[in-house]
Amino acid sequence: MAEAVGILEVFGLTTAFVAADAGCKAANVRLDVFDKNKPANADSLPVPLLVTIKYRGSVADVTAAMEAGIETAERMTGVVQHHIIPNPEPGTEEMLKISALDKD
């Protein structure tokens, strides 16, 4: 069975690092590579870059990590959206590997 994944999209890279750290300290999870998105309406956002954190582990650990990450991000620039996938399908697993963070 695949590990659960918690997907947390926040405003800004700094918020992503701090929220990722909080989640890892709150539960036994590991991080997959972050992803980024600069939407067309970036200038109207609190921070013009959206960053996605991906926590991996058991459903219980991912849930605890997400709660800590969301709480932290809300105190900073905010959360765009979040979701937990308890048992990702193989095709979803492949898509989770995609990251634009190392691209311009």
N, C-alpha and C. Protein backbone atom coordinates (compact mmCIF):
# COMPACT_ATOMS: atom_id res chain seq x y z
N MET A 1 0.85 -1.18 0.00
CA MET A 1 0.00 0.00 0.00
C MET A 1 0.89 1.24 0.00
N ALA A 2 0.48 2.24 -0.75
CA ALA A 2 1.23 3.49 -0.84
C ALA A 2 1.09 4.29 0.45
N GLU A 3 2.07 5.15 0.67
CA GLU A 3 1.99 6.07 1.81
C GLU A 3 0.94 7.13 1.52
N ALA A 4 0.31 7.62 2.57
CA ALA A 4 -0.60 8.75 2.42
C ALA A 4 0.22 9.97 2.04
N VAL A 5 -0.42 10.93 1.39
CA VAL A 5 0.23 12.20 1.06
C VAL A 5 -0.68 13.33 1.50
N GLY A 6 -0.08 14.30 2.16
CA GLY A 6 -0.78 15.52 2.53
C GLY A 6 -0.24 16.64 1.67
N ILE A 7 -1.12 17.30 0.95
CA ILE A 7 -0.73 18.37 0.03
C ILE A 7 -1.20 19.69 0.62
N LEU A 8 -0.24 20.56 0.90
CA LEU A 8 -0.53 21.85 1.53
C LEU A 8 0.05 22.96 0.67
N GLU A 9 -0.82 23.78 0.11
CA GLU A 9 -0.39 24.89 -0.75
C GLU A 9 -0.48 26.19 0.04
N VAL A 10 0.64 26.91 0.08
CA VAL A 10 0.75 28.13 0.88
C VAL A 10 1.28 29.28 0.02
N PHE A 11 1.19 30.48 0.59
CA PHE A 11 1.73 31.66 -0.07
C PHE A 11 3.19 31.84 0.32
N GLY A 12 4.12 31.65 -0.63
CA GLY A 12 5.52 31.98 -0.42
C GLY A 12 6.40 30.85 0.05
N LEU A 13 7.67 30.93 -0.34
CA LEU A 13 8.65 29.90 -0.02
C LEU A 13 9.01 29.89 1.46
N THR A 14 9.13 31.05 2.07
CA THR A 14 9.47 31.09 3.50
C THR A 14 8.38 30.41 4.31
N THR A 15 7.14 30.72 4.02
CA THR A 15 6.03 30.07 4.72
C THR A 15 6.07 28.57 4.49
N ALA A 16 6.40 28.14 3.28
CA ALA A 16 6.48 26.71 3.00
C ALA A 16 7.55 26.03 3.85
N PHE A 17 8.72 26.65 3.97
CA PHE A 17 9.78 26.05 4.78
C PHE A 17 9.37 25.95 6.25
N VAL A 18 8.77 27.00 6.77
CA VAL A 18 8.40 27.02 8.19
C VAL A 18 7.25 26.04 8.45
N ALA A 19 6.27 25.98 7.55
CA ALA A 19 5.16 25.04 7.71
C ALA A 19 5.63 23.60 7.55
N ALA A 20 6.55 23.35 6.64
CA ALA A 20 7.10 22.00 6.45
C ALA A 20 7.83 21.57 7.72
N ASP A 21 8.62 22.46 8.27
CA ASP A 21 9.35 22.17 9.50
C ASP A 21 8.40 21.85 10.65
N ALA A 22 7.35 22.64 10.78
CA ALA A 22 6.37 22.41 11.85
C ALA A 22 5.70 21.05 11.70
N GLY A 23 5.35 20.70 10.48
CA GLY A 23 4.71 19.40 10.23
C GLY A 23 5.63 18.24 10.55
N CYS A 24 6.90 18.37 10.17
CA CYS A 24 7.87 17.30 10.44
C CYS A 24 8.16 17.15 11.93
N LYS A 25 8.08 18.24 12.67
CA LYS A 25 8.30 18.17 14.11
C LYS A 25 7.07 17.60 14.84
N ALA A 26 5.90 17.73 14.23
CA ALA A 26 4.66 17.30 14.86
C ALA A 26 4.35 15.82 14.65
N ALA A 27 4.95 15.20 13.63
CA ALA A 27 4.60 13.82 13.30
C ALA A 27 5.75 13.13 12.57
N ASN A 28 5.64 11.83 12.48
CA ASN A 28 6.65 11.03 11.82
C ASN A 28 6.36 11.00 10.31
N VAL A 29 6.73 12.08 9.62
CA VAL A 29 6.52 12.19 8.18
C VAL A 29 7.84 12.55 7.51
N ARG A 30 7.87 12.38 6.21
CA ARG A 30 8.98 12.87 5.40
C ARG A 30 8.39 13.81 4.36
N LEU A 31 9.24 14.60 3.76
CA LEU A 31 8.79 15.54 2.74
C LEU A 31 9.17 15.05 1.36
N ASP A 32 8.25 15.21 0.42
CA ASP A 32 8.59 15.07 -0.99
C ASP A 32 9.00 16.46 -1.47
N VAL A 33 9.55 16.51 -2.65
CA VAL A 33 10.01 17.79 -3.21
C VAL A 33 8.85 18.80 -3.27
N PHE A 34 9.15 20.05 -2.92
CA PHE A 34 8.16 21.12 -3.02
C PHE A 34 7.84 21.38 -4.49
N ASP A 35 6.74 22.06 -4.74
CA ASP A 35 6.41 22.52 -6.09
C ASP A 35 6.02 23.99 -5.99
N LYS A 36 6.06 24.69 -7.11
CA LYS A 36 5.71 26.11 -7.11
C LYS A 36 4.75 26.41 -8.24
N ASN A 37 4.06 27.53 -8.10
CA ASN A 37 3.15 28.00 -9.11
C ASN A 37 3.05 29.52 -8.98
N LYS A 38 3.22 30.21 -10.08
CA LYS A 38 3.00 31.65 -10.10
C LYS A 38 1.79 31.89 -10.99
N PRO A 39 0.62 32.04 -10.37
CA PRO A 39 -0.61 32.19 -11.15
C PRO A 39 -0.68 33.53 -11.89
N ALA A 40 -1.59 33.59 -12.83
CA ALA A 40 -1.75 34.80 -13.64
C ALA A 40 -2.11 36.01 -12.78
N ASN A 41 -2.82 35.81 -11.69
CA ASN A 41 -3.22 36.92 -10.82
C ASN A 41 -2.23 37.13 -9.67
N ALA A 42 -0.97 36.76 -9.87
CA ALA A 42 0.04 36.80 -8.81
C ALA A 42 0.15 38.16 -8.14
N ASP A 43 0.01 39.23 -8.90
CA ASP A 43 0.17 40.57 -8.32
C ASP A 43 -0.93 40.91 -7.32
N SER A 44 -2.05 40.21 -7.36
CA SER A 44 -3.14 40.51 -6.42
C SER A 44 -3.10 39.61 -5.18
N LEU A 45 -2.12 38.72 -5.10
CA LEU A 45 -2.01 37.79 -3.97
C LEU A 45 -1.14 38.37 -2.86
N PRO A 46 -1.29 37.85 -1.63
CA PRO A 46 -0.45 38.32 -0.52
C PRO A 46 1.05 38.15 -0.81
N VAL A 47 1.40 37.06 -1.47
CA VAL A 47 2.76 36.77 -1.93
C VAL A 47 2.58 36.19 -3.32
N PRO A 48 3.36 36.65 -4.32
CA PRO A 48 3.09 36.26 -5.71
C PRO A 48 3.53 34.84 -6.10
N LEU A 49 3.90 34.01 -5.14
CA LEU A 49 4.32 32.65 -5.45
C LEU A 49 3.58 31.67 -4.53
N LEU A 50 2.97 30.66 -5.13
CA LEU A 50 2.33 29.61 -4.36
C LEU A 50 3.29 28.43 -4.30
N VAL A 51 3.45 27.84 -3.13
CA VAL A 51 4.35 26.70 -2.95
C VAL A 51 3.55 25.55 -2.33
N THR A 52 3.78 24.36 -2.87
CA THR A 52 3.09 23.17 -2.39
C THR A 52 4.05 22.29 -1.60
N ILE A 53 3.66 21.97 -0.38
CA ILE A 53 4.39 21.07 0.50
C ILE A 53 3.71 19.71 0.38
N LYS A 54 4.52 18.64 0.35
CA LYS A 54 3.96 17.29 0.28
C LYS A 54 4.52 16.46 1.44
N TYR A 55 3.68 16.18 2.44
CA TYR A 55 4.06 15.33 3.57
C TYR A 55 3.73 13.89 3.22
N ARG A 56 4.60 12.94 3.57
CA ARG A 56 4.35 11.52 3.31
C ARG A 56 4.48 10.72 4.59
N GLY A 57 3.61 9.73 4.76
CA GLY A 57 3.64 8.86 5.93
C GLY A 57 2.31 8.17 6.10
N SER A 58 2.04 7.69 7.31
CA SER A 58 0.75 7.07 7.60
C SER A 58 -0.33 8.17 7.58
N VAL A 59 -1.58 7.74 7.45
CA VAL A 59 -2.68 8.72 7.44
C VAL A 59 -2.69 9.53 8.74
N ALA A 60 -2.50 8.87 9.87
CA ALA A 60 -2.51 9.58 11.16
C ALA A 60 -1.37 10.58 11.24
N ASP A 61 -0.17 10.19 10.82
CA ASP A 61 0.97 11.11 10.87
C ASP A 61 0.81 12.26 9.89
N VAL A 62 0.34 11.96 8.69
CA VAL A 62 0.14 13.02 7.71
C VAL A 62 -0.92 14.00 8.20
N THR A 63 -1.97 13.50 8.82
CA THR A 63 -3.02 14.37 9.36
C THR A 63 -2.45 15.30 10.43
N ALA A 64 -1.64 14.75 11.33
CA ALA A 64 -1.04 15.57 12.38
C ALA A 64 -0.07 16.60 11.79
N ALA A 65 0.70 16.20 10.80
CA ALA A 65 1.63 17.13 10.14
C ALA A 65 0.87 18.24 9.43
N MET A 66 -0.20 17.88 8.74
CA MET A 66 -1.00 18.88 8.03
C MET A 66 -1.60 19.89 9.02
N GLU A 67 -2.10 19.41 10.12
CA GLU A 67 -2.68 20.32 11.12
C GLU A 67 -1.65 21.32 11.61
N ALA A 68 -0.44 20.84 11.89
CA ALA A 68 0.63 21.73 12.35
C ALA A 68 1.05 22.69 11.25
N GLY A 69 1.17 22.18 10.03
CA GLY A 69 1.56 23.03 8.90
C GLY A 69 0.54 24.11 8.60
N ILE A 70 -0.72 23.73 8.63
CA ILE A 70 -1.80 24.70 8.37
C ILE A 70 -1.81 25.78 9.44
N GLU A 71 -1.71 25.37 10.69
CA GLU A 71 -1.70 26.35 11.79
C GLU A 71 -0.54 27.34 11.63
N THR A 72 0.61 26.83 11.30
CA THR A 72 1.79 27.69 11.11
C THR A 72 1.61 28.63 9.92
N ALA A 73 1.18 28.09 8.80
CA ALA A 73 1.01 28.90 7.59
C ALA A 73 -0.04 29.99 7.78
N GLU A 74 -1.12 29.67 8.49
CA GLU A 74 -2.17 30.66 8.73
C GLU A 74 -1.65 31.84 9.55
N ARG A 75 -0.68 31.60 10.44
CA ARG A 75 -0.10 32.70 11.22
C ARG A 75 0.84 33.55 10.36
N MET A 76 1.25 33.03 9.23
CA MET A 76 2.19 33.76 8.38
C MET A 76 1.41 34.37 7.21
N THR A 77 1.60 33.87 6.01
CA THR A 77 0.97 34.46 4.83
C THR A 77 -0.34 33.80 4.44
N GLY A 78 -0.59 32.58 4.95
CA GLY A 78 -1.87 31.94 4.69
C GLY A 78 -1.79 30.66 3.88
N VAL A 79 -2.91 29.96 3.86
CA VAL A 79 -3.07 28.69 3.15
C VAL A 79 -3.96 28.91 1.94
N VAL A 80 -3.55 28.37 0.81
CA VAL A 80 -4.37 28.44 -0.40
C VAL A 80 -5.37 27.29 -0.38
N GLN A 81 -4.85 26.07 -0.21
CA GLN A 81 -5.70 24.89 -0.10
C GLN A 81 -4.91 23.73 0.48
N HIS A 82 -5.63 22.68 0.88
CA HIS A 82 -4.97 21.51 1.46
C HIS A 82 -5.85 20.29 1.26
N HIS A 83 -5.18 19.13 1.16
CA HIS A 83 -5.93 17.89 0.99
C HIS A 83 -5.04 16.71 1.37
N ILE A 84 -5.65 15.66 1.89
CA ILE A 84 -4.94 14.42 2.20
C ILE A 84 -5.47 13.32 1.28
N ILE A 85 -4.54 12.61 0.63
CA ILE A 85 -4.89 11.44 -0.17
C ILE A 85 -4.39 10.22 0.61
N PRO A 86 -5.29 9.42 1.19
CA PRO A 86 -4.86 8.32 2.04
C PRO A 86 -4.07 7.23 1.32
N ASN A 87 -4.42 6.93 0.09
CA ASN A 87 -3.78 5.84 -0.65
C ASN A 87 -3.71 6.20 -2.13
N PRO A 88 -2.72 7.01 -2.53
CA PRO A 88 -2.66 7.48 -3.92
C PRO A 88 -2.52 6.33 -4.93
N GLU A 89 -3.21 6.44 -6.02
CA GLU A 89 -3.10 5.50 -7.13
C GLU A 89 -1.72 5.65 -7.78
N PRO A 90 -1.23 4.62 -8.50
CA PRO A 90 0.09 4.71 -9.14
C PRO A 90 0.24 5.93 -10.06
N GLY A 91 -0.79 6.27 -10.80
CA GLY A 91 -0.71 7.44 -11.68
C GLY A 91 -0.57 8.73 -10.90
N THR A 92 -1.26 8.81 -9.77
CA THR A 92 -1.15 9.97 -8.90
C THR A 92 0.26 10.05 -8.32
N GLU A 93 0.81 8.90 -7.93
CA GLU A 93 2.18 8.86 -7.41
C GLU A 93 3.16 9.46 -8.42
N GLU A 94 2.98 9.14 -9.69
CA GLU A 94 3.87 9.69 -10.73
C GLU A 94 3.71 11.20 -10.83
N MET A 95 2.50 11.70 -10.75
CA MET A 95 2.26 13.14 -10.84
C MET A 95 2.83 13.88 -9.63
N LEU A 96 2.85 13.23 -8.48
CA LEU A 96 3.38 13.86 -7.27
C LEU A 96 4.88 14.13 -7.38
N LYS A 97 5.56 13.46 -8.29
CA LYS A 97 7.00 13.65 -8.48
C LYS A 97 7.33 14.93 -9.27
N ILE A 98 6.34 15.48 -9.95
CA ILE A 98 6.56 16.66 -10.78
C ILE A 98 6.82 17.88 -9.90
N SER A 99 7.82 18.66 -10.27
CA SER A 99 8.13 19.88 -9.53
C SER A 99 8.67 20.93 -10.49
N ALA A 100 8.14 22.13 -10.39
CA ALA A 100 8.63 23.24 -11.20
C ALA A 100 9.60 24.11 -10.41
N LEU A 101 9.94 23.71 -9.20
CA LEU A 101 10.78 24.54 -8.34
C LEU A 101 12.16 24.76 -8.91
N ASP A 102 12.66 23.81 -9.69
CA ASP A 102 13.99 23.97 -10.27
C ASP A 102 13.96 24.54 -11.67
N LYS A 103 12.80 25.05 -12.08
CA LYS A 103 12.65 25.65 -13.40
C LYS A 103 12.30 27.12 -13.28
N ASP A 104 12.62 27.89 -14.30
CA ASP A 104 12.29 29.32 -14.28
C ASP A 104 10.83 29.58 -14.56
